[in-house]
Amino acid sequence: MRDAGLPITLIVLGFLGIAWYFRLFPDFDLIVAIALVAAGVAVMVFDGITKSSVVIGPFLIAAGIAWWAHEFHDASWRVLIPALLVLLGALMLVARRPNIPNKRAPKA
């Protein structure tokens, strides 16, 4: 059987183009906000509770919420950026706790 990668890619791109034309896709900013939140959740799920995931996961979730708030509720970046910086600092302090492992524990 021949490689079907190119025909499938063309079909998917064609469907995406048609969906974009008929406005069946959500707004780009909504996609970005959802992607940031999903990435934050994925970090927490796949990495578990580690020093890096305690910082990265919630921060990505907060960045997605901030993006959504800016685009759909006219929240100013002048407020959102400092709030995100405060959150990032607080998460970095939480990650310093000795009971949070550096790496994910190996599965038994």
PDB file of N, CA and C in Angstrom:
ATOM      1  N   MET A   1       0.848  -1.177   0.000  1.00  0.00           N
ATOM      2  CA  MET A   1       0.000   0.000   0.000  1.00  0.00           C
ATOM      3  C   MET A   1       0.890   1.236   0.000  1.00  0.00           C
ATOM      4  N   ARG A   2       0.551   2.174  -0.833  1.00  0.00           N
ATOM      5  CA  ARG A   2       1.326   3.405  -0.934  1.00  0.00           C
ATOM      6  C   ARG A   2       1.078   4.305   0.265  1.00  0.00           C
ATOM      7  N   ASP A   3       1.982   5.251   0.450  1.00  0.00           N
ATOM      8  CA  ASP A   3       1.850   6.212   1.538  1.00  0.00           C
ATOM      9  C   ASP A   3       0.647   7.117   1.279  1.00  0.00           C
ATOM     10  N   ALA A   4      -0.260   7.169   2.241  1.00  0.00           N
ATOM     11  CA  ALA A   4      -1.480   7.959   2.086  1.00  0.00           C
ATOM     12  C   ALA A   4      -1.381   9.310   2.779  1.00  0.00           C
ATOM     13  N   GLY A   5      -0.190   9.684   3.234  1.00  0.00           N
ATOM     14  CA  GLY A   5      -0.020  10.927   3.980  1.00  0.00           C
ATOM     15  C   GLY A   5      -0.418  12.170   3.198  1.00  0.00           C
ATOM     16  N   LEU A   6       0.039  12.282   1.947  1.00  0.00           N
ATOM     17  CA  LEU A   6      -0.260  13.467   1.146  1.00  0.00           C
ATOM     18  C   LEU A   6      -1.757  13.592   0.834  1.00  0.00           C
ATOM     19  N   PRO A   7      -2.417  12.541   0.358  1.00  0.00           N
ATOM     20  CA  PRO A   7      -3.859  12.693   0.089  1.00  0.00           C
ATOM     21  C   PRO A   7      -4.666  13.028   1.340  1.00  0.00           C
ATOM     22  N   ILE A   8      -4.327  12.418   2.458  1.00  0.00           N
ATOM     23  CA  ILE A   8      -5.055  12.717   3.697  1.00  0.00           C
ATOM     24  C   ILE A   8      -4.810  14.162   4.128  1.00  0.00           C
ATOM     25  N   THR A   9      -3.572  14.621   3.989  1.00  0.00           N
ATOM     26  CA  THR A   9      -3.262  16.014   4.325  1.00  0.00           C
ATOM     27  C   THR A   9      -4.051  16.970   3.442  1.00  0.00           C
ATOM     28  N   LEU A  10      -4.135  16.682   2.154  1.00  0.00           N
ATOM     29  CA  LEU A  10      -4.900  17.538   1.239  1.00  0.00           C
ATOM     30  C   LEU A  10      -6.385  17.556   1.604  1.00  0.00           C
ATOM     31  N   ILE A  11      -6.927  16.414   1.959  1.00  0.00           N
ATOM     32  CA  ILE A  11      -8.339  16.345   2.351  1.00  0.00           C
ATOM     33  C   ILE A  11      -8.574  17.161   3.619  1.00  0.00           C
ATOM     34  N   VAL A  12      -7.704  16.990   4.614  1.00  0.00           N
ATOM     35  CA  VAL A  12      -7.861  17.726   5.873  1.00  0.00           C
ATOM     36  C   VAL A  12      -7.737  19.227   5.624  1.00  0.00           C
ATOM     37  N   LEU A  13      -6.748  19.646   4.845  1.00  0.00           N
ATOM     38  CA  LEU A  13      -6.592  21.074   4.551  1.00  0.00           C
ATOM     39  C   LEU A  13      -7.799  21.617   3.790  1.00  0.00           C
ATOM     40  N   GLY A  14      -8.338  20.813   2.875  1.00  0.00           N
ATOM     41  CA  GLY A  14      -9.538  21.240   2.158  1.00  0.00           C
ATOM     42  C   GLY A  14     -10.719  21.430   3.091  1.00  0.00           C
ATOM     43  N   PHE A  15     -10.939  20.477   4.002  1.00  0.00           N
ATOM     44  CA  PHE A  15     -12.027  20.621   4.969  1.00  0.00           C
ATOM     45  C   PHE A  15     -11.809  21.823   5.882  1.00  0.00           C
ATOM     46  N   LEU A  16     -10.566  22.041   6.296  1.00  0.00           N
ATOM     47  CA  LEU A  16     -10.275  23.200   7.140  1.00  0.00           C
ATOM     48  C   LEU A  16     -10.556  24.505   6.404  1.00  0.00           C
ATOM     49  N   GLY A  17     -10.189  24.551   5.123  1.00  0.00           N
ATOM     50  CA  GLY A  17     -10.468  25.747   4.322  1.00  0.00           C
ATOM     51  C   GLY A  17     -11.962  26.006   4.174  1.00  0.00           C
ATOM     52  N   ILE A  18     -12.724  24.951   3.941  1.00  0.00           N
ATOM     53  CA  ILE A  18     -14.175  25.103   3.816  1.00  0.00           C
ATOM     54  C   ILE A  18     -14.789  25.534   5.149  1.00  0.00           C
ATOM     55  N   ALA A  19     -14.342  24.929   6.247  1.00  0.00           N
ATOM     56  CA  ALA A  19     -14.863  25.299   7.566  1.00  0.00           C
ATOM     57  C   ALA A  19     -14.509  26.743   7.896  1.00  0.00           C
ATOM     58  N   TRP A  20     -13.311  27.173   7.527  1.00  0.00           N
ATOM     59  CA  TRP A  20     -12.904  28.556   7.771  1.00  0.00           C
ATOM     60  C   TRP A  20     -13.775  29.520   6.947  1.00  0.00           C
ATOM     61  N   TYR A  21     -14.040  29.172   5.681  1.00  0.00           N
ATOM     62  CA  TYR A  21     -14.840  30.017   4.804  1.00  0.00           C
ATOM     63  C   TYR A  21     -16.262  30.189   5.339  1.00  0.00           C
ATOM     64  N   PHE A  22     -16.871  29.130   5.814  1.00  0.00           N
ATOM     65  CA  PHE A  22     -18.233  29.197   6.327  1.00  0.00           C
ATOM     66  C   PHE A  22     -18.303  29.576   7.807  1.00  0.00           C
ATOM     67  N   ARG A  23     -17.172  30.016   8.362  1.00  0.00           N
ATOM     68  CA  ARG A  23     -17.076  30.492   9.749  1.00  0.00           C
ATOM     69  C   ARG A  23     -17.538  29.435  10.759  1.00  0.00           C
ATOM     70  N   LEU A  24     -17.144  28.198  10.516  1.00  0.00           N
ATOM     71  CA  LEU A  24     -17.475  27.118  11.437  1.00  0.00           C
ATOM     72  C   LEU A  24     -16.417  26.969  12.530  1.00  0.00           C
ATOM     73  N   PHE A  25     -15.271  27.638  12.342  1.00  0.00           N
ATOM     74  CA  PHE A  25     -14.218  27.630  13.352  1.00  0.00           C
ATOM     75  C   PHE A  25     -14.474  28.718  14.374  1.00  0.00           C
ATOM     76  N   PRO A  26     -14.100  28.491  15.603  1.00  0.00           N
ATOM     77  CA  PRO A  26     -14.159  29.586  16.562  1.00  0.00           C
ATOM     78  C   PRO A  26     -13.095  30.629  16.225  1.00  0.00           C
ATOM     79  N   ASP A  27     -13.193  31.756  16.865  1.00  0.00           N
ATOM     80  CA  ASP A  27     -12.249  32.839  16.667  1.00  0.00           C
ATOM     81  C   ASP A  27     -10.833  32.374  17.018  1.00  0.00           C
ATOM     82  N   PHE A  28      -9.829  32.916  16.323  1.00  0.00           N
ATOM     83  CA  PHE A  28      -8.431  32.554  16.557  1.00  0.00           C
ATOM     84  C   PHE A  28      -8.036  32.760  18.015  1.00  0.00           C
ATOM     85  N   ASP A  29      -8.474  33.847  18.613  1.00  0.00           N
ATOM     86  CA  ASP A  29      -8.109  34.133  19.996  1.00  0.00           C
ATOM     87  C   ASP A  29      -8.705  33.104  20.958  1.00  0.00           C
ATOM     88  N   LEU A  30      -9.871  32.614  20.673  1.00  0.00           N
ATOM     89  CA  LEU A  30     -10.451  31.559  21.499  1.00  0.00           C
ATOM     90  C   LEU A  30      -9.649  30.270  21.376  1.00  0.00           C
ATOM     91  N   ILE A  31      -9.183  29.973  20.161  1.00  0.00           N
ATOM     92  CA  ILE A  31      -8.362  28.779  19.954  1.00  0.00           C
ATOM     93  C   ILE A  31      -7.062  28.892  20.744  1.00  0.00           C
ATOM     94  N   VAL A  32      -6.432  30.073  20.727  1.00  0.00           N
ATOM     95  CA  VAL A  32      -5.183  30.272  21.467  1.00  0.00           C
ATOM     96  C   VAL A  32      -5.424  30.109  22.965  1.00  0.00           C
ATOM     97  N   ALA A  33      -6.503  30.702  23.473  1.00  0.00           N
ATOM     98  CA  ALA A  33      -6.803  30.608  24.900  1.00  0.00           C
ATOM     99  C   ALA A  33      -7.051  29.158  25.308  1.00  0.00           C
ATOM    100  N   ILE A  34      -7.812  28.437  24.518  1.00  0.00           N
ATOM    101  CA  ILE A  34      -8.083  27.027  24.815  1.00  0.00           C
ATOM    102  C   ILE A  34      -6.798  26.205  24.739  1.00  0.00           C
ATOM    103  N   ALA A  35      -5.948  26.500  23.762  1.00  0.00           N
ATOM    104  CA  ALA A  35      -4.685  25.761  23.617  1.00  0.00           C
ATOM    105  C   ALA A  35      -3.777  25.997  24.822  1.00  0.00           C
ATOM    106  N   LEU A  36      -3.719  27.225  25.325  1.00  0.00           N
ATOM    107  CA  LEU A  36      -2.886  27.502  26.497  1.00  0.00           C
ATOM    108  C   LEU A  36      -3.401  26.760  27.728  1.00  0.00           C
ATOM    109  N   VAL A  37      -4.700  26.788  27.931  1.00  0.00           N
ATOM    110  CA  VAL A  37      -5.283  26.078  29.073  1.00  0.00           C
ATOM    111  C   VAL A  37      -5.067  24.574  28.919  1.00  0.00           C
ATOM    112  N   ALA A  38      -5.282  24.057  27.713  1.00  0.00           N
ATOM    113  CA  ALA A  38      -5.085  22.621  27.483  1.00  0.00           C
ATOM    114  C   ALA A  38      -3.624  22.225  27.695  1.00  0.00           C
ATOM    115  N   ALA A  39      -2.698  23.070  27.279  1.00  0.00           N
ATOM    116  CA  ALA A  39      -1.278  22.777  27.489  1.00  0.00           C
ATOM    117  C   ALA A  39      -0.947  22.754  28.978  1.00  0.00           C
ATOM    118  N   GLY A  40      -1.520  23.683  29.737  1.00  0.00           N
ATOM    119  CA  GLY A  40      -1.291  23.690  31.178  1.00  0.00           C
ATOM    120  C   GLY A  40      -1.835  22.452  31.853  1.00  0.00           C
ATOM    121  N   VAL A  41      -3.021  22.045  31.460  1.00  0.00           N
ATOM    122  CA  VAL A  41      -3.614  20.826  32.019  1.00  0.00           C
ATOM    123  C   VAL A  41      -2.782  19.608  31.621  1.00  0.00           C
ATOM    124  N   ALA A  42      -2.327  19.575  30.363  1.00  0.00           N
ATOM    125  CA  ALA A  42      -1.519  18.443  29.895  1.00  0.00           C
ATOM    126  C   ALA A  42      -0.213  18.334  30.678  1.00  0.00           C
ATOM    127  N   VAL A  43       0.407  19.468  30.976  1.00  0.00           N
ATOM    128  CA  VAL A  43       1.642  19.441  31.767  1.00  0.00           C
ATOM    129  C   VAL A  43       1.369  18.822  33.130  1.00  0.00           C
ATOM    130  N   MET A  44       0.281  19.232  33.754  1.00  0.00           N
ATOM    131  CA  MET A  44      -0.036  18.713  35.083  1.00  0.00           C
ATOM    132  C   MET A  44      -0.381  17.220  35.030  1.00  0.00           C
ATOM    133  N   VAL A  45      -1.079  16.798  33.989  1.00  0.00           N
ATOM    134  CA  VAL A  45      -1.490  15.395  33.896  1.00  0.00           C
ATOM    135  C   VAL A  45      -0.303  14.495  33.568  1.00  0.00           C
ATOM    136  N   PHE A  46       0.487  14.866  32.571  1.00  0.00           N
ATOM    137  CA  PHE A  46       1.556  13.990  32.102  1.00  0.00           C
ATOM    138  C   PHE A  46       2.793  14.032  32.982  1.00  0.00           C
ATOM    139  N   ASP A  47       3.070  15.181  33.598  1.00  0.00           N
ATOM    140  CA  ASP A  47       4.272  15.293  34.414  1.00  0.00           C
ATOM    141  C   ASP A  47       3.985  15.046  35.889  1.00  0.00           C
ATOM    142  N   GLY A  48       2.743  15.114  36.295  1.00  0.00           N
ATOM    143  CA  GLY A  48       2.410  14.946  37.703  1.00  0.00           C
ATOM    144  C   GLY A  48       2.814  16.187  38.490  1.00  0.00           C
ATOM    145  N   ILE A  49       2.948  16.019  39.783  1.00  0.00           N
ATOM    146  CA  ILE A  49       3.338  17.135  40.640  1.00  0.00           C
ATOM    147  C   ILE A  49       4.854  17.114  40.795  1.00  0.00           C
ATOM    148  N   THR A  50       5.510  18.018  40.095  1.00  0.00           N
ATOM    149  CA  THR A  50       6.949  18.203  40.222  1.00  0.00           C
ATOM    150  C   THR A  50       7.215  19.693  40.375  1.00  0.00           C
ATOM    151  N   LYS A  51       8.462  20.044  40.656  1.00  0.00           N
ATOM    152  CA  LYS A  51       8.805  21.449  40.834  1.00  0.00           C
ATOM    153  C   LYS A  51       8.533  22.267  39.569  1.00  0.00           C
ATOM    154  N   SER A  52       8.786  21.695  38.417  1.00  0.00           N
ATOM    155  CA  SER A  52       8.547  22.452  37.187  1.00  0.00           C
ATOM    156  C   SER A  52       7.069  22.479  36.802  1.00  0.00           C
ATOM    157  N   SER A  53       6.368  21.370  36.990  1.00  0.00           N
ATOM    158  CA  SER A  53       4.960  21.340  36.588  1.00  0.00           C
ATOM    159  C   SER A  53       4.081  22.202  37.488  1.00  0.00           C
ATOM    160  N   VAL A  54       4.494  22.375  38.737  1.00  0.00           N
ATOM    161  CA  VAL A  54       3.732  23.228  39.651  1.00  0.00           C
ATOM    162  C   VAL A  54       3.798  24.686  39.197  1.00  0.00           C
ATOM    163  N   VAL A  55       4.851  25.042  38.490  1.00  0.00           N
ATOM    164  CA  VAL A  55       4.983  26.405  37.973  1.00  0.00           C
ATOM    165  C   VAL A  55       4.385  26.512  36.576  1.00  0.00           C
ATOM    166  N   ILE A  56       4.788  25.630  35.682  1.00  0.00           N
ATOM    167  CA  ILE A  56       4.419  25.752  34.271  1.00  0.00           C
ATOM    168  C   ILE A  56       2.934  25.503  34.028  1.00  0.00           C
ATOM    169  N   GLY A  57       2.384  24.438  34.607  1.00  0.00           N
ATOM    170  CA  GLY A  57       0.982  24.091  34.351  1.00  0.00           C
ATOM    171  C   GLY A  57       0.006  25.187  34.744  1.00  0.00           C
ATOM    172  N   PRO A  58      -0.005  25.607  36.018  1.00  0.00           N
ATOM    173  CA  PRO A  58      -0.934  26.670  36.401  1.00  0.00           C
ATOM    174  C   PRO A  58      -0.673  27.993  35.689  1.00  0.00           C
ATOM    175  N   PHE A  59       0.602  28.274  35.379  1.00  0.00           N
ATOM    176  CA  PHE A  59       0.887  29.529  34.678  1.00  0.00           C
ATOM    177  C   PHE A  59       0.318  29.508  33.266  1.00  0.00           C
ATOM    178  N   LEU A  60       0.438  28.386  32.552  1.00  0.00           N
ATOM    179  CA  LEU A  60      -0.163  28.301  31.221  1.00  0.00           C
ATOM    180  C   LEU A  60      -1.681  28.418  31.289  1.00  0.00           C
ATOM    181  N   ILE A  61      -2.276  27.815  32.292  1.00  0.00           N
ATOM    182  CA  ILE A  61      -3.727  27.932  32.464  1.00  0.00           C
ATOM    183  C   ILE A  61      -4.109  29.388  32.706  1.00  0.00           C
ATOM    184  N   ALA A  62      -3.366  30.064  33.580  1.00  0.00           N
ATOM    185  CA  ALA A  62      -3.645  31.472  33.867  1.00  0.00           C
ATOM    186  C   ALA A  62      -3.411  32.340  32.634  1.00  0.00           C
ATOM    187  N   ALA A  63      -2.381  32.026  31.844  1.00  0.00           N
ATOM    188  CA  ALA A  63      -2.129  32.794  30.622  1.00  0.00           C
ATOM    189  C   ALA A  63      -3.273  32.625  29.625  1.00  0.00           C
ATOM    190  N   GLY A  64      -3.815  31.414  29.532  1.00  0.00           N
ATOM    191  CA  GLY A  64      -4.970  31.199  28.658  1.00  0.00           C
ATOM    192  C   GLY A  64      -6.193  31.965  29.125  1.00  0.00           C
ATOM    193  N   ILE A  65      -6.412  31.977  30.427  1.00  0.00           N
ATOM    194  CA  ILE A  65      -7.545  32.734  30.975  1.00  0.00           C
ATOM    195  C   ILE A  65      -7.333  34.224  30.755  1.00  0.00           C
ATOM    196  N   ALA A  66      -6.089  34.693  30.920  1.00  0.00           N
ATOM    197  CA  ALA A  66      -5.792  36.109  30.693  1.00  0.00           C
ATOM    198  C   ALA A  66      -6.000  36.481  29.230  1.00  0.00           C
ATOM    199  N   TRP A  67      -5.576  35.604  28.332  1.00  0.00           N
ATOM    200  CA  TRP A  67      -5.771  35.863  26.901  1.00  0.00           C
ATOM    201  C   TRP A  67      -7.259  35.972  26.595  1.00  0.00           C
ATOM    202  N   TRP A  68      -8.036  35.037  27.136  1.00  0.00           N
ATOM    203  CA  TRP A  68      -9.489  35.052  26.932  1.00  0.00           C
ATOM    204  C   TRP A  68     -10.114  36.318  27.519  1.00  0.00           C
ATOM    205  N   ALA A  69      -9.693  36.694  28.732  1.00  0.00           N
ATOM    206  CA  ALA A  69     -10.240  37.888  29.378  1.00  0.00           C
ATOM    207  C   ALA A  69      -9.900  39.142  28.582  1.00  0.00           C
ATOM    208  N   HIS A  70      -8.706  39.193  28.025  1.00  0.00           N
ATOM    209  CA  HIS A  70      -8.313  40.364  27.232  1.00  0.00           C
ATOM    210  C   HIS A  70      -9.125  40.469  25.949  1.00  0.00           C
ATOM    211  N   GLU A  71      -9.296  39.356  25.270  1.00  0.00           N
ATOM    212  CA  GLU A  71      -9.954  39.390  23.970  1.00  0.00           C
ATOM    213  C   GLU A  71     -11.472  39.494  24.051  1.00  0.00           C
ATOM    214  N   PHE A  72     -12.070  38.880  25.060  1.00  0.00           N
ATOM    215  CA  PHE A  72     -13.529  38.809  25.077  1.00  0.00           C
ATOM    216  C   PHE A  72     -14.182  39.647  26.161  1.00  0.00           C
ATOM    217  N   HIS A  73     -13.398  40.157  27.104  1.00  0.00           N
ATOM    218  CA  HIS A  73     -13.966  40.990  28.166  1.00  0.00           C
ATOM    219  C   HIS A  73     -13.207  42.295  28.335  1.00  0.00           C
ATOM    220  N   ASP A  74     -12.383  42.635  27.352  1.00  0.00           N
ATOM    221  CA  ASP A  74     -11.646  43.897  27.313  1.00  0.00           C
ATOM    222  C   ASP A  74     -10.824  44.163  28.563  1.00  0.00           C
ATOM    223  N   ALA A  75     -10.296  43.120  29.173  1.00  0.00           N
ATOM    224  CA  ALA A  75      -9.376  43.306  30.301  1.00  0.00           C
ATOM    225  C   ALA A  75      -8.063  43.841  29.747  1.00  0.00           C
ATOM    226  N   SER A  76      -7.499  44.795  30.436  1.00  0.00           N
ATOM    227  CA  SER A  76      -6.295  45.455  29.960  1.00  0.00           C
ATOM    228  C   SER A  76      -5.049  44.632  30.280  1.00  0.00           C
ATOM    229  N   TRP A  77      -4.119  44.618  29.316  1.00  0.00           N
ATOM    230  CA  TRP A  77      -2.852  43.944  29.567  1.00  0.00           C
ATOM    231  C   TRP A  77      -2.076  44.648  30.674  1.00  0.00           C
ATOM    232  N   ARG A  78      -2.382  45.930  30.907  1.00  0.00           N
ATOM    233  CA  ARG A  78      -1.723  46.670  31.989  1.00  0.00           C
ATOM    234  C   ARG A  78      -2.055  46.089  33.355  1.00  0.00           C
ATOM    235  N   VAL A  79      -3.147  45.379  33.451  1.00  0.00           N
ATOM    236  CA  VAL A  79      -3.515  44.698  34.695  1.00  0.00           C
ATOM    237  C   VAL A  79      -3.144  43.219  34.622  1.00  0.00           C
ATOM    238  N   LEU A  80      -3.356  42.617  33.461  1.00  0.00           N
ATOM    239  CA  LEU A  80      -3.143  41.176  33.321  1.00  0.00           C
ATOM    240  C   LEU A  80      -1.669  40.780  33.436  1.00  0.00           C
ATOM    241  N   ILE A  81      -0.779  41.534  32.821  1.00  0.00           N
ATOM    242  CA  ILE A  81       0.648  41.192  32.869  1.00  0.00           C
ATOM    243  C   ILE A  81       1.177  41.239  34.304  1.00  0.00           C
ATOM    244  N   PRO A  82       0.943  42.326  35.072  1.00  0.00           N
ATOM    245  CA  PRO A  82       1.415  42.288  36.466  1.00  0.00           C
ATOM    246  C   PRO A  82       0.775  41.172  37.287  1.00  0.00           C
ATOM    247  N   ALA A  83      -0.499  40.887  37.033  1.00  0.00           N
ATOM    248  CA  ALA A  83      -1.154  39.796  37.765  1.00  0.00           C
ATOM    249  C   ALA A  83      -0.499  38.458  37.433  1.00  0.00           C
ATOM    250  N   LEU A  84      -0.154  38.254  36.166  1.00  0.00           N
ATOM    251  CA  LEU A  84       0.532  37.022  35.776  1.00  0.00           C
ATOM    252  C   LEU A  84       1.930  36.945  36.403  1.00  0.00           C
ATOM    253  N   LEU A  85       2.604  38.083  36.503  1.00  0.00           N
ATOM    254  CA  LEU A  85       3.930  38.095  37.136  1.00  0.00           C
ATOM    255  C   LEU A  85       3.837  37.751  38.620  1.00  0.00           C
ATOM    256  N   VAL A  86       2.816  38.283  39.299  1.00  0.00           N
ATOM    257  CA  VAL A  86       2.608  37.946  40.709  1.00  0.00           C
ATOM    258  C   VAL A  86       2.332  36.453  40.854  1.00  0.00           C
ATOM    259  N   LEU A  87       1.476  35.927  39.998  1.00  0.00           N
ATOM    260  CA  LEU A  87       1.175  34.496  40.037  1.00  0.00           C
ATOM    261  C   LEU A  87       2.425  33.661  39.782  1.00  0.00           C
ATOM    262  N   LEU A  88       3.222  34.062  38.790  1.00  0.00           N
ATOM    263  CA  LEU A  88       4.441  33.321  38.477  1.00  0.00           C
ATOM    264  C   LEU A  88       5.398  33.314  39.665  1.00  0.00           C
ATOM    265  N   GLY A  89       5.565  34.461  40.312  1.00  0.00           N
ATOM    266  CA  GLY A  89       6.421  34.512  41.496  1.00  0.00           C
ATOM    267  C   GLY A  89       5.897  33.641  42.617  1.00  0.00           C
ATOM    268  N   ALA A  90       4.590  33.674  42.842  1.00  0.00           N
ATOM    269  CA  ALA A  90       4.001  32.853  43.900  1.00  0.00           C
ATOM    270  C   ALA A  90       4.169  31.361  43.595  1.00  0.00           C
ATOM    271  N   LEU A  91       3.980  30.982  42.336  1.00  0.00           N
ATOM    272  CA  LEU A  91       4.160  29.581  41.951  1.00  0.00           C
ATOM    273  C   LEU A  91       5.615  29.145  42.112  1.00  0.00           C
ATOM    274  N   MET A  92       6.535  30.048  41.814  1.00  0.00           N
ATOM    275  CA  MET A  92       7.956  29.723  41.990  1.00  0.00           C
ATOM    276  C   MET A  92       8.296  29.538  43.467  1.00  0.00           C
ATOM    277  N   LEU A  93       7.663  30.309  44.326  1.00  0.00           N
ATOM    278  CA  LEU A  93       7.877  30.114  45.764  1.00  0.00           C
ATOM    279  C   LEU A  93       7.285  28.789  46.235  1.00  0.00           C
ATOM    280  N   VAL A  94       6.113  28.441  45.737  1.00  0.00           N
ATOM    281  CA  VAL A  94       5.493  27.164  46.100  1.00  0.00           C
ATOM    282  C   VAL A  94       6.378  26.002  45.642  1.00  0.00           C
ATOM    283  N   ALA A  95       6.986  26.135  44.465  1.00  0.00           N
ATOM    284  CA  ALA A  95       7.819  25.058  43.929  1.00  0.00           C
ATOM    285  C   ALA A  95       9.081  24.833  44.761  1.00  0.00           C
ATOM    286  N   ARG A  96       9.441  25.783  45.591  1.00  0.00           N
ATOM    287  CA  ARG A  96      10.635  25.636  46.432  1.00  0.00           C
ATOM    288  C   ARG A  96      10.393  24.758  47.649  1.00  0.00           C
ATOM    289  N   ARG A  97       9.162  24.398  47.896  1.00  0.00           N
ATOM    290  CA  ARG A  97       8.858  23.559  49.063  1.00  0.00           C
ATOM    291  C   ARG A  97       9.600  22.225  48.944  1.00  0.00           C
ATOM    292  N   PRO A  98      10.160  21.754  50.040  1.00  0.00           N
ATOM    293  CA  PRO A  98      10.948  20.519  49.976  1.00  0.00           C
ATOM    294  C   PRO A  98      10.117  19.258  49.727  1.00  0.00           C
ATOM    295  N   ASN A  99       8.819  19.295  50.006  1.00  0.00           N
ATOM    296  CA  ASN A  99       8.017  18.085  49.810  1.00  0.00           C
ATOM    297  C   ASN A  99       7.536  17.910  48.362  1.00  0.00           C
ATOM    298  N   ILE A 100       7.865  18.845  47.480  1.00  0.00           N
ATOM    299  CA  ILE A 100       7.535  18.703  46.059  1.00  0.00           C
ATOM    300  C   ILE A 100       8.758  18.113  45.358  1.00  0.00           C
ATOM    301  N   PRO A 101       8.597  16.965  44.697  1.00  0.00           N
ATOM    302  CA  PRO A 101       9.765  16.296  44.080  1.00  0.00           C
ATOM    303  C   PRO A 101      10.300  17.058  42.873  1.00  0.00           C
ATOM    304  N   ASN A 102      11.594  16.864  42.600  1.00  0.00           N
ATOM    305  CA  ASN A 102      12.221  17.471  41.432  1.00  0.00           C
ATOM    306  C   ASN A 102      11.733  16.826  40.139  1.00  0.00           C
ATOM    307  N   LYS A 103      11.616  15.512  40.166  1.00  0.00           N
ATOM    308  CA  LYS A 103      11.204  14.755  38.987  1.00  0.00           C
ATOM    309  C   LYS A 103      10.036  13.851  39.356  1.00  0.00           C
ATOM    310  N   ARG A 104       9.340  13.406  38.337  1.00  0.00           N
ATOM    311  CA  ARG A 104       8.230  12.480  38.538  1.00  0.00           C
ATOM    312  C   ARG A 104       8.778  11.141  39.026  1.00  0.00           C
ATOM    313  N   ALA A 105       8.105  10.566  40.002  1.00  0.00           N
ATOM    314  CA  ALA A 105       8.524   9.276  40.539  1.00  0.00           C
ATOM    315  C   ALA A 105       8.340   8.200  39.486  1.00  0.00           C
ATOM    316  N   PRO A 106       9.313   7.293  39.340  1.00  0.00           N
ATOM    317  CA  PRO A 106       9.164   6.217  38.361  1.00  0.00           C
ATOM    318  C   PRO A 106       8.027   5.283  38.732  1.00  0.00           C
ATOM    319  N   LYS A 107       7.347   4.783  37.722  1.00  0.00           N
ATOM    320  CA  LYS A 107       6.241   3.854  37.965  1.00  0.00           C
ATOM    321  C   LYS A 107       6.805   2.504  38.384  1.00  0.00           C
ATOM    322  N   ALA A 108       6.140   1.908  39.349  1.00  0.00           N
ATOM    323  CA  ALA A 108       6.618   0.604  39.857  1.00  0.00           C
ATOM    324  C   ALA A 108       6.161  -0.541  38.983  1.00  0.00           C
TER     325      ALA A 108
END
